[in-house]
Amino acid sequence: MVWEDDAKQGTAFTVVDRLGTIYVADAKNLRIMRWPKESTQGNINAGGNGDGGQSKQLYVPWGLSFDCQRNLYVDEFCNEGVRV
């Protein structure tokens, strides 16, 4: 796994799914990063488009969780909500 310079500055939470994919709540950069198993580079899974407001944007993603059907839940600190 390779971290971008800004990715390590705001990491709030990390979770690994049952396939070995790593998800990181990057709070400072307002996004969820995803690294498939054995990948050397991650990609933006959600957010990264600015600071909240629109439904596709995240505002300080703080926590991550999966349900039994592999839906990813994102807890947003500043929007006081949970997204699926």
N, C-alpha and C. Protein backbone atom coordinates (compact mmCIF):
# COMPACT_ATOMS: atom_id res chain seq x y z
N MET A 1 0.84 -1.16 0.00
CA MET A 1 0.00 0.00 0.00
C MET A 1 0.88 1.23 0.00
N VAL A 2 0.52 2.23 -0.79
CA VAL A 2 1.25 3.48 -0.86
C VAL A 2 0.31 4.60 -0.43
N TRP A 3 0.74 5.40 0.53
CA TRP A 3 -0.05 6.54 1.00
C TRP A 3 0.36 7.79 0.25
N GLU A 4 -0.63 8.58 -0.17
CA GLU A 4 -0.34 9.90 -0.71
C GLU A 4 0.07 10.78 0.46
N ASP A 5 0.79 11.87 0.18
CA ASP A 5 1.25 12.74 1.25
C ASP A 5 0.11 13.24 2.13
N ASP A 6 -1.03 13.60 1.53
CA ASP A 6 -2.13 14.15 2.32
C ASP A 6 -3.01 13.08 2.97
N ALA A 7 -2.91 11.84 2.56
CA ALA A 7 -3.79 10.79 3.08
C ALA A 7 -3.52 10.48 4.54
N LYS A 8 -2.31 10.66 5.00
CA LYS A 8 -1.98 10.30 6.38
C LYS A 8 -2.26 11.43 7.37
N GLN A 9 -2.71 12.57 6.90
CA GLN A 9 -2.91 13.71 7.77
C GLN A 9 -4.26 13.73 8.45
N GLY A 10 -5.22 12.99 7.95
CA GLY A 10 -6.55 13.08 8.52
C GLY A 10 -7.24 11.75 8.71
N THR A 11 -6.47 10.68 8.79
CA THR A 11 -7.06 9.36 8.93
C THR A 11 -7.79 9.25 10.26
N ALA A 12 -9.10 8.95 10.19
CA ALA A 12 -9.90 8.86 11.40
C ALA A 12 -10.23 7.41 11.76
N PHE A 13 -10.41 6.55 10.76
CA PHE A 13 -10.86 5.19 11.03
C PHE A 13 -10.50 4.30 9.85
N THR A 14 -10.17 3.05 10.14
CA THR A 14 -9.83 2.08 9.10
C THR A 14 -10.59 0.79 9.36
N VAL A 15 -11.10 0.16 8.29
CA VAL A 15 -11.80 -1.11 8.41
C VAL A 15 -11.41 -1.98 7.21
N VAL A 16 -11.40 -3.29 7.41
CA VAL A 16 -11.08 -4.25 6.35
C VAL A 16 -12.29 -5.15 6.15
N ASP A 17 -12.73 -5.29 4.88
CA ASP A 17 -13.88 -6.15 4.63
C ASP A 17 -13.44 -7.61 4.52
N ARG A 18 -14.39 -8.51 4.32
CA ARG A 18 -14.08 -9.94 4.32
C ARG A 18 -13.28 -10.39 3.10
N LEU A 19 -13.16 -9.53 2.09
CA LEU A 19 -12.34 -9.83 0.92
C LEU A 19 -10.92 -9.27 1.05
N GLY A 20 -10.66 -8.59 2.17
CA GLY A 20 -9.34 -8.03 2.41
C GLY A 20 -9.15 -6.63 1.88
N THR A 21 -10.22 -5.99 1.42
CA THR A 21 -10.15 -4.61 0.94
C THR A 21 -10.10 -3.68 2.15
N ILE A 22 -9.18 -2.72 2.11
CA ILE A 22 -9.01 -1.76 3.20
C ILE A 22 -9.75 -0.47 2.85
N TYR A 23 -10.54 0.03 3.80
CA TYR A 23 -11.24 1.30 3.66
C TYR A 23 -10.75 2.24 4.76
N VAL A 24 -10.45 3.47 4.38
CA VAL A 24 -9.94 4.46 5.33
C VAL A 24 -10.81 5.70 5.28
N ALA A 25 -11.32 6.13 6.44
CA ALA A 25 -12.02 7.40 6.55
C ALA A 25 -10.96 8.49 6.67
N ASP A 26 -10.78 9.23 5.61
CA ASP A 26 -9.79 10.31 5.54
C ASP A 26 -10.52 11.61 5.86
N ALA A 27 -10.64 11.92 7.15
CA ALA A 27 -11.46 13.03 7.63
C ALA A 27 -10.98 14.38 7.11
N LYS A 28 -9.69 14.60 7.11
CA LYS A 28 -9.18 15.91 6.70
C LYS A 28 -9.44 16.19 5.22
N ASN A 29 -9.38 15.16 4.39
CA ASN A 29 -9.58 15.33 2.96
C ASN A 29 -11.00 14.99 2.51
N LEU A 30 -11.90 14.76 3.47
CA LEU A 30 -13.34 14.60 3.22
C LEU A 30 -13.66 13.48 2.23
N ARG A 31 -13.05 12.31 2.47
CA ARG A 31 -13.23 11.20 1.54
C ARG A 31 -13.04 9.85 2.22
N ILE A 32 -13.49 8.81 1.53
CA ILE A 32 -13.23 7.44 1.93
C ILE A 32 -12.31 6.85 0.87
N MET A 33 -11.15 6.37 1.31
CA MET A 33 -10.19 5.75 0.41
C MET A 33 -10.37 4.23 0.48
N ARG A 34 -10.10 3.56 -0.65
CA ARG A 34 -10.27 2.11 -0.75
C ARG A 34 -9.03 1.51 -1.40
N TRP A 35 -8.50 0.45 -0.75
CA TRP A 35 -7.36 -0.29 -1.29
C TRP A 35 -7.76 -1.76 -1.41
N PRO A 36 -7.97 -2.25 -2.64
CA PRO A 36 -8.24 -3.68 -2.81
C PRO A 36 -7.04 -4.50 -2.32
N LYS A 37 -7.31 -5.72 -1.92
CA LYS A 37 -6.26 -6.61 -1.42
C LYS A 37 -5.12 -6.70 -2.44
N GLU A 38 -3.91 -6.58 -1.93
CA GLU A 38 -2.67 -6.66 -2.71
C GLU A 38 -2.50 -5.51 -3.70
N SER A 39 -3.29 -4.45 -3.58
CA SER A 39 -3.13 -3.28 -4.44
C SER A 39 -2.03 -2.39 -3.88
N THR A 40 -1.34 -1.70 -4.75
CA THR A 40 -0.29 -0.77 -4.30
C THR A 40 -0.76 0.67 -4.31
N GLN A 41 -1.96 0.91 -4.83
CA GLN A 41 -2.48 2.27 -4.88
C GLN A 41 -3.97 2.25 -4.58
N GLY A 42 -4.40 3.19 -3.74
CA GLY A 42 -5.81 3.29 -3.41
C GLY A 42 -6.56 4.20 -4.36
N ASN A 43 -7.88 4.21 -4.21
CA ASN A 43 -8.71 5.12 -4.99
C ASN A 43 -9.77 5.71 -4.08
N ILE A 44 -10.36 6.79 -4.52
CA ILE A 44 -11.41 7.43 -3.73
C ILE A 44 -12.70 6.64 -3.93
N ASN A 45 -13.25 6.14 -2.83
CA ASN A 45 -14.48 5.36 -2.87
C ASN A 45 -15.70 6.26 -2.70
N ALA A 46 -15.57 7.34 -1.95
CA ALA A 46 -16.66 8.28 -1.72
C ALA A 46 -16.08 9.62 -1.30
N GLY A 47 -16.81 10.70 -1.60
CA GLY A 47 -16.38 12.03 -1.19
C GLY A 47 -15.22 12.56 -2.00
N GLY A 48 -14.45 13.44 -1.35
CA GLY A 48 -13.31 14.05 -2.01
C GLY A 48 -13.68 15.18 -2.94
N ASN A 49 -14.93 15.64 -2.86
CA ASN A 49 -15.42 16.67 -3.79
C ASN A 49 -15.69 18.01 -3.14
N GLY A 50 -15.16 18.25 -1.97
CA GLY A 50 -15.44 19.51 -1.28
C GLY A 50 -15.99 19.25 0.10
N ASP A 51 -16.55 20.27 0.72
CA ASP A 51 -16.93 20.17 2.12
C ASP A 51 -18.44 20.09 2.33
N GLY A 52 -19.00 18.93 2.12
CA GLY A 52 -20.41 18.67 2.45
C GLY A 52 -21.39 19.42 1.58
N GLY A 53 -22.65 19.36 1.97
CA GLY A 53 -23.69 20.07 1.26
C GLY A 53 -24.44 19.20 0.27
N GLN A 54 -23.78 18.70 -0.73
CA GLN A 54 -24.42 17.86 -1.73
C GLN A 54 -24.39 16.41 -1.28
N SER A 55 -25.34 15.62 -1.78
CA SER A 55 -25.48 14.23 -1.32
C SER A 55 -24.26 13.37 -1.62
N LYS A 56 -23.47 13.71 -2.63
CA LYS A 56 -22.30 12.90 -2.97
C LYS A 56 -21.05 13.31 -2.21
N GLN A 57 -21.13 14.35 -1.40
CA GLN A 57 -19.98 14.83 -0.67
C GLN A 57 -20.03 14.40 0.79
N LEU A 58 -18.87 14.30 1.40
CA LEU A 58 -18.77 13.96 2.82
C LEU A 58 -18.19 15.15 3.58
N TYR A 59 -18.61 15.29 4.82
CA TYR A 59 -18.07 16.36 5.65
C TYR A 59 -17.55 15.73 6.94
N VAL A 60 -16.27 15.52 7.00
CA VAL A 60 -15.54 14.90 8.11
C VAL A 60 -16.04 13.47 8.38
N PRO A 61 -15.77 12.55 7.43
CA PRO A 61 -16.10 11.14 7.68
C PRO A 61 -15.28 10.62 8.84
N TRP A 62 -15.96 10.05 9.83
CA TRP A 62 -15.29 9.73 11.09
C TRP A 62 -15.26 8.25 11.43
N GLY A 63 -16.24 7.49 10.98
CA GLY A 63 -16.30 6.07 11.30
C GLY A 63 -16.81 5.27 10.12
N LEU A 64 -16.45 3.98 10.10
CA LEU A 64 -16.86 3.08 9.03
C LEU A 64 -17.32 1.76 9.61
N SER A 65 -18.30 1.14 8.96
CA SER A 65 -18.78 -0.17 9.40
C SER A 65 -19.45 -0.87 8.22
N PHE A 66 -19.43 -2.20 8.23
CA PHE A 66 -20.12 -3.00 7.23
C PHE A 66 -21.25 -3.77 7.89
N ASP A 67 -22.35 -4.00 7.13
CA ASP A 67 -23.38 -4.91 7.60
C ASP A 67 -23.13 -6.28 6.96
N CYS A 68 -24.00 -7.25 7.22
CA CYS A 68 -23.79 -8.61 6.73
C CYS A 68 -23.93 -8.73 5.21
N GLN A 69 -24.49 -7.71 4.56
CA GLN A 69 -24.62 -7.73 3.10
C GLN A 69 -23.53 -6.90 2.41
N ARG A 70 -22.51 -6.53 3.16
CA ARG A 70 -21.35 -5.78 2.68
C ARG A 70 -21.65 -4.35 2.31
N ASN A 71 -22.75 -3.78 2.84
CA ASN A 71 -23.00 -2.35 2.68
C ASN A 71 -22.07 -1.59 3.60
N LEU A 72 -21.44 -0.55 3.09
CA LEU A 72 -20.53 0.26 3.88
C LEU A 72 -21.29 1.44 4.46
N TYR A 73 -21.21 1.62 5.78
CA TYR A 73 -21.83 2.74 6.47
C TYR A 73 -20.74 3.73 6.85
N VAL A 74 -21.01 5.01 6.60
CA VAL A 74 -20.05 6.07 6.91
C VAL A 74 -20.68 7.01 7.92
N ASP A 75 -20.01 7.19 9.05
CA ASP A 75 -20.44 8.13 10.08
C ASP A 75 -19.77 9.47 9.81
N GLU A 76 -20.58 10.52 9.67
CA GLU A 76 -20.03 11.85 9.42
C GLU A 76 -20.11 12.68 10.70
N PHE A 77 -18.98 13.16 11.14
CA PHE A 77 -18.89 13.91 12.39
C PHE A 77 -19.63 15.24 12.31
N CYS A 78 -19.35 16.05 11.31
CA CYS A 78 -19.92 17.40 11.23
C CYS A 78 -21.34 17.44 10.68
N ASN A 79 -21.74 16.47 9.87
CA ASN A 79 -23.11 16.44 9.36
C ASN A 79 -24.04 15.69 10.30
N GLU A 80 -23.48 15.12 11.36
CA GLU A 80 -24.25 14.39 12.37
C GLU A 80 -25.18 13.36 11.73
N GLY A 81 -24.62 12.54 10.85
CA GLY A 81 -25.43 11.54 10.18
C GLY A 81 -24.64 10.31 9.82
N VAL A 82 -25.36 9.30 9.33
CA VAL A 82 -24.75 8.06 8.85
C VAL A 82 -25.23 7.85 7.42
N ARG A 83 -24.30 7.51 6.54
CA ARG A 83 -24.65 7.25 5.14
C ARG A 83 -24.36 5.80 4.79
N VAL A 84 -25.12 5.28 3.84
CA VAL A 84 -24.91 3.91 3.34
C VAL A 84 -24.30 4.01 1.96
